[in-house]
Protein backbone atom coordinates (compact mmCIF):
# COMPACT_ATOMS: atom_id res chain seq x y z
CA MET A 1 -5.60 25.92 26.79
CA SER A 2 -1.98 24.98 26.18
CA ARG A 3 -1.15 23.54 22.77
CA PRO A 4 2.02 21.43 22.79
CA PRO A 5 3.49 20.91 19.32
CA THR A 6 3.37 17.11 19.71
CA PHE A 7 2.46 14.40 22.17
CA VAL A 8 5.31 12.15 21.01
CA PRO A 9 8.26 12.32 23.43
CA PRO A 10 11.76 12.84 22.05
CA ALA A 11 14.32 10.04 22.07
CA CYS A 12 15.89 11.37 25.27
CA ALA A 13 12.66 10.93 27.24
CA ARG A 14 10.92 7.88 28.64
CA ALA A 15 7.23 7.86 29.55
CA HIS A 16 6.56 5.88 32.70
CA ALA A 17 4.78 5.90 36.05
CA LEU A 18 6.83 7.51 38.82
CA SER A 19 6.28 5.61 42.05
CA THR A 20 6.09 7.89 45.11
CA SER A 21 4.98 7.69 48.73
CA ARG A 22 1.68 9.24 47.60
CA GLY A 23 0.99 7.03 44.62
CA ALA A 24 2.08 6.79 41.00
CA PHE A 25 2.25 9.75 38.63
CA ALA A 26 2.66 9.70 34.85
CA VAL A 27 5.90 11.40 33.82
CA LEU A 28 8.13 12.14 30.88
CA ASP A 29 11.62 11.51 32.23
CA ALA A 30 14.32 13.00 29.99
CA ARG A 31 17.96 12.28 30.76
CA PRO A 32 21.24 13.56 29.33
CA GLY A 33 23.49 11.21 27.45
CA GLY A 34 26.41 12.11 29.72
CA ALA A 35 26.93 13.50 33.20
CA VAL A 36 23.88 14.94 34.94
CA ARG A 37 24.38 18.50 36.20
CA GLY A 38 21.04 18.66 37.98
CA THR A 39 17.42 17.51 37.92
CA ALA A 40 14.36 19.62 37.17
CA LEU A 41 10.77 18.85 38.18
CA LEU A 42 8.26 20.45 35.78
CA LEU A 43 4.62 20.98 36.81
CA PRO A 44 1.94 21.91 34.23
CA GLY A 45 -0.96 24.31 34.54
CA TYR A 46 -4.75 24.11 34.63
CA THR A 47 -6.12 21.79 31.86
CA GLY A 48 -2.49 21.10 30.87
CA SER A 49 -0.22 18.08 31.11
CA LYS A 50 3.40 16.97 31.12
CA GLU A 51 3.39 17.31 27.31
CA ASP A 52 3.35 21.10 27.74
CA PHE A 53 7.11 20.80 28.38
CA ILE A 54 7.79 18.26 25.63
CA ALA A 55 9.55 20.65 23.25
CA MET A 56 11.90 21.77 26.04
CA LEU A 57 13.17 18.33 26.98
CA GLU A 58 15.89 17.95 24.35
CA PRO A 59 17.54 21.34 24.95
CA LEU A 60 17.44 20.79 28.71
CA THR A 61 19.10 17.39 28.44
CA GLU A 62 21.64 18.70 25.93
CA ALA A 63 22.66 21.21 28.60
CA GLY A 64 23.18 18.33 31.05
CA TYR A 65 19.94 18.53 33.02
CA ARG A 66 17.57 15.70 33.72
CA ALA A 67 14.01 16.96 33.27
CA VAL A 68 10.97 15.20 34.73
CA ALA A 69 7.61 16.56 33.58
CA VAL A 70 4.65 15.35 35.65
CA ASP A 71 0.91 14.91 35.30
CA GLY A 72 -0.50 15.80 38.72
CA ARG A 73 -3.21 13.67 40.28
CA GLY A 74 -6.30 13.72 38.10
CA GLN A 75 -4.41 15.27 35.17
CA TYR A 76 -4.34 13.39 31.87
CA GLU A 77 -2.49 10.09 32.49
CA SER A 78 -2.29 10.29 36.29
CA ALA A 79 -5.26 8.72 38.02
CA GLY A 80 -7.27 10.71 40.52
CA PRO A 81 -10.22 9.99 42.83
CA GLU A 82 -13.69 11.51 42.72
CA ASP A 83 -13.23 13.13 46.14
CA GLN A 84 -12.88 16.92 46.01
CA GLN A 85 -10.75 16.96 49.16
CA ALA A 86 -8.10 14.93 47.32
CA TYR A 87 -7.46 18.02 45.15
CA ALA A 88 -7.14 20.53 47.98
CA GLN A 89 -4.06 22.65 47.34
CA GLU A 90 -2.19 21.27 50.36
CA GLU A 91 -2.77 17.71 49.16
CA LEU A 92 -1.43 18.58 45.72
CA ALA A 93 1.53 20.35 47.31
CA LYS A 94 2.34 17.22 49.30
CA ASP A 95 2.29 15.32 46.00
CA VAL A 96 4.99 17.68 44.69
CA LEU A 97 7.16 17.00 47.73
CA ALA A 98 6.74 13.26 47.17
CA GLN A 99 7.60 13.60 43.47
CA ALA A 100 10.76 15.53 44.31
CA ALA A 101 11.80 12.81 46.75
CA ALA A 102 11.07 10.08 44.21
CA VAL A 103 13.23 11.59 41.47
CA GLY A 104 16.08 11.91 43.94
CA GLY A 105 16.09 15.60 44.84
CA PRO A 106 17.03 18.26 45.58
CA VAL A 107 15.57 19.53 42.32
CA HIS A 108 15.08 22.69 40.33
CA LEU A 109 11.30 23.23 40.65
CA VAL A 110 9.33 24.79 37.78
CA GLY A 111 5.58 25.41 37.97
CA HIS A 112 3.51 26.78 35.09
CA SER A 113 0.34 28.75 35.90
CA LEU A 114 -1.75 26.67 38.35
CA GLY A 115 1.30 24.43 38.69
CA GLY A 116 3.21 27.44 39.95
CA GLN A 117 0.74 28.12 42.72
CA ILE A 118 0.71 24.46 43.74
CA SER A 119 4.52 24.47 43.66
CA ARG A 120 4.56 27.61 45.79
CA ALA A 121 2.43 25.82 48.38
CA ALA A 122 4.92 22.93 48.32
CA VAL A 123 7.87 25.27 48.90
CA LEU A 124 6.03 26.89 51.80
CA LEU A 125 5.48 23.45 53.34
CA ASP A 126 9.12 22.39 52.95
CA ARG A 127 11.80 24.17 50.94
CA THR A 128 14.53 21.59 51.55
CA PRO A 129 13.82 19.42 48.44
CA PHE A 130 14.40 22.37 46.10
CA LEU A 131 17.56 23.98 44.71
CA THR A 132 15.73 26.76 42.88
CA PHE A 133 12.13 27.74 42.17
CA THR A 134 10.80 29.11 38.88
CA LEU A 135 7.29 30.52 38.62
CA MET A 136 6.30 30.41 34.95
CA SER A 137 3.33 32.60 34.00
CA SER A 138 2.04 32.13 37.54
CA GLY A 139 0.89 35.16 39.47
CA PRO A 140 0.72 36.30 43.07
CA ALA A 141 -2.96 35.64 43.75
CA GLN A 142 -6.22 34.95 41.90
CA ILE A 143 -6.45 35.06 38.11
CA SER A 144 -7.63 38.08 36.12
CA PRO A 145 -11.37 38.97 36.08
CA ALA A 146 -11.74 37.86 32.45
CA GLN A 147 -10.19 34.47 33.20
CA GLN A 148 -12.27 34.16 36.36
CA GLN A 149 -15.38 34.40 34.22
CA LYS A 150 -14.12 31.66 31.88
CA VAL A 151 -13.23 29.33 34.75
CA LYS A 152 -16.62 29.90 36.37
CA LEU A 153 -18.35 29.07 33.06
CA LEU A 154 -16.27 25.93 32.74
CA GLY A 155 -17.17 24.88 36.29
CA ASP A 156 -20.86 25.42 35.56
CA ALA A 157 -20.58 23.33 32.39
CA LEU A 158 -18.75 20.50 34.13
CA ALA A 159 -21.53 20.33 36.71
CA VAL A 160 -24.19 19.49 34.12
CA MET A 161 -22.43 18.12 31.02
CA PRO A 162 -20.16 15.14 30.27
CA MET A 163 -16.55 15.84 29.33
CA ASP A 164 -17.04 15.23 25.60
CA GLN A 165 -19.86 17.76 25.38
CA VAL A 166 -17.85 20.30 27.33
CA TRP A 167 -14.98 19.79 24.88
CA GLU A 168 -17.24 20.54 21.94
CA ALA A 169 -18.49 23.68 23.67
CA ILE A 170 -14.91 24.82 24.35
CA GLN A 171 -13.95 24.29 20.71
CA ALA A 172 -16.92 26.30 19.50
CA PHE A 173 -16.17 29.09 21.96
CA ASP A 174 -12.47 29.20 21.05
CA ALA A 175 -13.20 29.21 17.32
CA ALA A 176 -15.48 32.21 17.77
CA GLU A 177 -13.16 34.06 20.14
CA VAL A 178 -9.73 33.30 18.63
CA PRO A 179 -10.23 31.76 15.16
CA GLU A 180 -6.51 32.10 14.36
CA ASP A 181 -5.71 29.43 16.97
CA ALA A 182 -7.33 26.74 14.83
CA GLU A 183 -5.40 27.99 11.80
CA ALA A 184 -2.15 28.02 13.78
CA ASP A 185 -2.77 24.47 14.99
CA ALA A 186 -3.30 23.28 11.44
CA ALA A 187 -0.22 25.12 10.16
CA ALA A 188 1.93 23.64 12.93
CA GLY A 189 0.61 20.15 12.29
CA ARG A 190 -0.90 19.82 15.75
CA ASN A 191 -3.27 16.92 16.14
CA GLY A 192 -6.57 18.11 17.57
CA GLU A 193 -7.39 14.53 18.51
CA ASP A 194 -4.43 14.49 20.90
CA LEU A 195 -5.78 17.59 22.64
CA ARG A 196 -9.26 16.07 22.79
CA ARG A 197 -7.95 12.79 24.21
CA ARG A 198 -6.02 14.67 26.88
CA TRP A 199 -9.12 16.65 27.83
CA LEU A 200 -11.27 13.55 28.10
CA ARG A 201 -8.76 11.89 30.45
CA HIS A 202 -8.71 14.77 32.91
CA ASN A 203 -10.75 14.06 36.02
CA PRO A 204 -13.64 16.58 36.04
CA VAL A 205 -13.52 16.74 39.85
CA GLN A 206 -9.89 17.83 39.61
CA LEU A 207 -10.77 20.52 37.06
CA THR A 208 -13.67 21.81 39.15
CA THR A 209 -11.75 21.87 42.41
CA THR A 210 -8.52 23.40 41.13
CA GLY A 211 -10.54 25.88 39.07
CA ARG A 212 -12.10 27.17 42.28
CA GLN A 213 -8.60 27.56 43.73
CA LEU A 214 -7.65 29.86 40.86
CA LEU A 215 -10.61 32.09 41.73
CA VAL A 216 -9.68 32.58 45.39
CA GLU A 217 -5.91 32.09 45.69
CA PRO A 218 -4.54 34.57 48.24
CA ASP A 219 -1.40 36.64 47.81
CA ARG A 220 1.41 34.63 49.44
CA VAL A 221 4.32 36.44 47.85
CA ASP A 222 5.66 37.82 51.13
CA GLU A 223 5.63 34.30 52.61
CA LEU A 224 7.56 33.01 49.61
CA ALA A 225 10.01 35.91 49.72
CA ALA A 226 10.84 34.95 53.30
CA VAL A 227 11.90 31.44 52.22
CA ARG A 228 15.67 31.64 52.10
CA PRO A 229 18.06 30.58 50.84
CA LEU A 230 16.15 29.69 47.69
CA PRO A 231 16.95 31.39 44.37
CA LYS A 232 13.73 32.40 42.63
CA HIS A 233 12.91 33.11 38.99
CA VAL A 234 9.81 34.62 37.39
CA VAL A 235 9.33 33.75 33.71
CA SER A 236 6.51 34.83 31.42
CA GLY A 237 5.70 35.73 27.86
CA GLU A 238 5.49 39.36 26.84
CA GLU A 239 1.70 39.09 26.95
CA ASP A 240 -0.47 37.28 29.47
CA ASP A 241 -4.26 37.32 29.81
CA THR A 242 -4.27 35.29 33.04
CA TRP A 243 -2.02 37.52 35.15
CA PRO A 244 -1.00 40.91 33.68
CA VAL A 245 2.71 41.08 32.88
CA GLN A 246 3.08 44.20 35.04
CA LEU A 247 1.76 42.17 37.99
CA LEU A 248 4.39 39.52 37.32
CA ASP A 249 7.07 42.23 37.14
CA GLU A 250 5.99 43.53 40.54
CA MET A 251 5.92 40.01 41.99
CA ALA A 252 9.50 39.43 40.85
CA GLU A 253 10.59 42.62 42.60
CA ARG A 254 8.84 41.58 45.82
CA LEU A 255 10.57 38.20 45.64
CA ASP A 256 13.95 39.68 44.72
CA ALA A 257 13.77 37.15 41.89
CA ARG A 258 15.40 36.93 38.52
CA ARG A 259 12.94 38.12 35.85
CA THR A 260 12.79 36.78 32.29
CA VAL A 261 10.29 37.87 29.63
CA ILE A 262 10.16 35.60 26.57
CA ALA A 263 9.64 37.68 23.43
CA GLY A 264 6.82 36.48 21.20
CA ALA A 265 5.26 34.28 23.87
CA GLY A 266 1.91 34.45 25.63
CA HIS A 267 0.66 32.64 28.72
CA SER A 268 2.50 29.43 27.79
CA PRO A 269 6.09 30.29 26.86
CA ASN A 270 6.93 26.60 27.31
CA THR A 271 4.82 25.79 24.23
CA ASP A 272 4.97 29.14 22.41
CA CYS A 273 8.77 29.55 22.49
CA PRO A 274 10.21 26.38 24.03
CA LEU A 275 13.83 26.85 22.94
CA GLU A 276 14.03 30.38 24.34
CA THR A 277 12.28 29.29 27.53
CA ALA A 278 14.62 26.34 27.99
CA ALA A 279 17.60 28.66 27.49
CA ALA A 280 16.29 30.99 30.21
CA LEU A 281 15.93 28.11 32.65
CA ILE A 282 19.37 26.72 31.84
CA SER A 283 20.97 30.13 32.37
CA PHE A 284 19.28 30.47 35.76
CA TRP A 285 20.17 26.96 36.89
CA ASP A 286 23.78 27.31 35.72
CA GLN A 287 24.19 30.28 38.06
CA ASN A 288 22.67 28.48 41.04
C-alpha cells in the first residue's frame, strides 16, 4: 500500500472535481506560477489515490509543468457504481481519454502500477491525446506470484467482510510482515487515520474487479511498442516486489523506452523518493 507523506495539497495545487464526458473525477490540479510548458496526467495504482503524487507537485510546477493527479472511478474521492462491468479495463481506459480531453491535452501521461496498465489500455485505444507515456513501476503482464496471493486474499476478504474489518486485518498483516513500516510512518509523521479514511472511501467493487485484472493481465508490450510516434519511459525503484526490476528492464528494451531506476525507492518511487522521481519525469518531458 502506498504511503504518501501527507494528504494536504501544496499551495500550488487545487483540489476539485474535474468534469469530463464520462463524469466527474476528484483531482489535485497543480499549476505553475508562470508560463506552462506542458500538462501531465498522473494515474495512481491499486489501493492508491491522487495523493500518491502529492510530494511531486511542487517540483513539477516549479519546472513549468501543470500536473493533474486523478482518483479513478471508485478510488477514494471519485464516486463509482456497484456494477463490476463499470470497472472493466476498457471502461477505465476510456475514463483516461476523457480526463486527458478535459484537462486540455495533449498531455504527458504517467501511470503508476495498476494505473500504468490502465493507461496502456488507453494509449492502445487512442494515442492522439498523449505527448509521452511513462510507465511507473508497472510491468508487462500479471503481477508476481507473491503479490497474486495477496490480491487473492484481499478479494476473498472483501467478499465476506466490511471495509473497516478488512482494514484492521491488513494492518495486522502488515505489522507482522513488515513491522518497520509502522515505525517509518511514525517517524515521518504520517497520519494513519488519513490512510484509513482513504481505504474506507474506496469502492470495494472497484478493488475486487481491478484486483482480478492484475491477476490475468496479458503481455501487451509488443502492441505498445508499435504505437508510434510516442516517446516512452519506464521508471521504477531499485527494488520491486510486484514486478521484478529485471522484468521492467526487459520491458523497456522491448519498448525502446528511456529507462530510469530511482535509487533507494521500492514499488512507489513517487512516494519513496518524490524529488528524484519528479526530476526524472521533468528530464524526460524536457527532451520530448
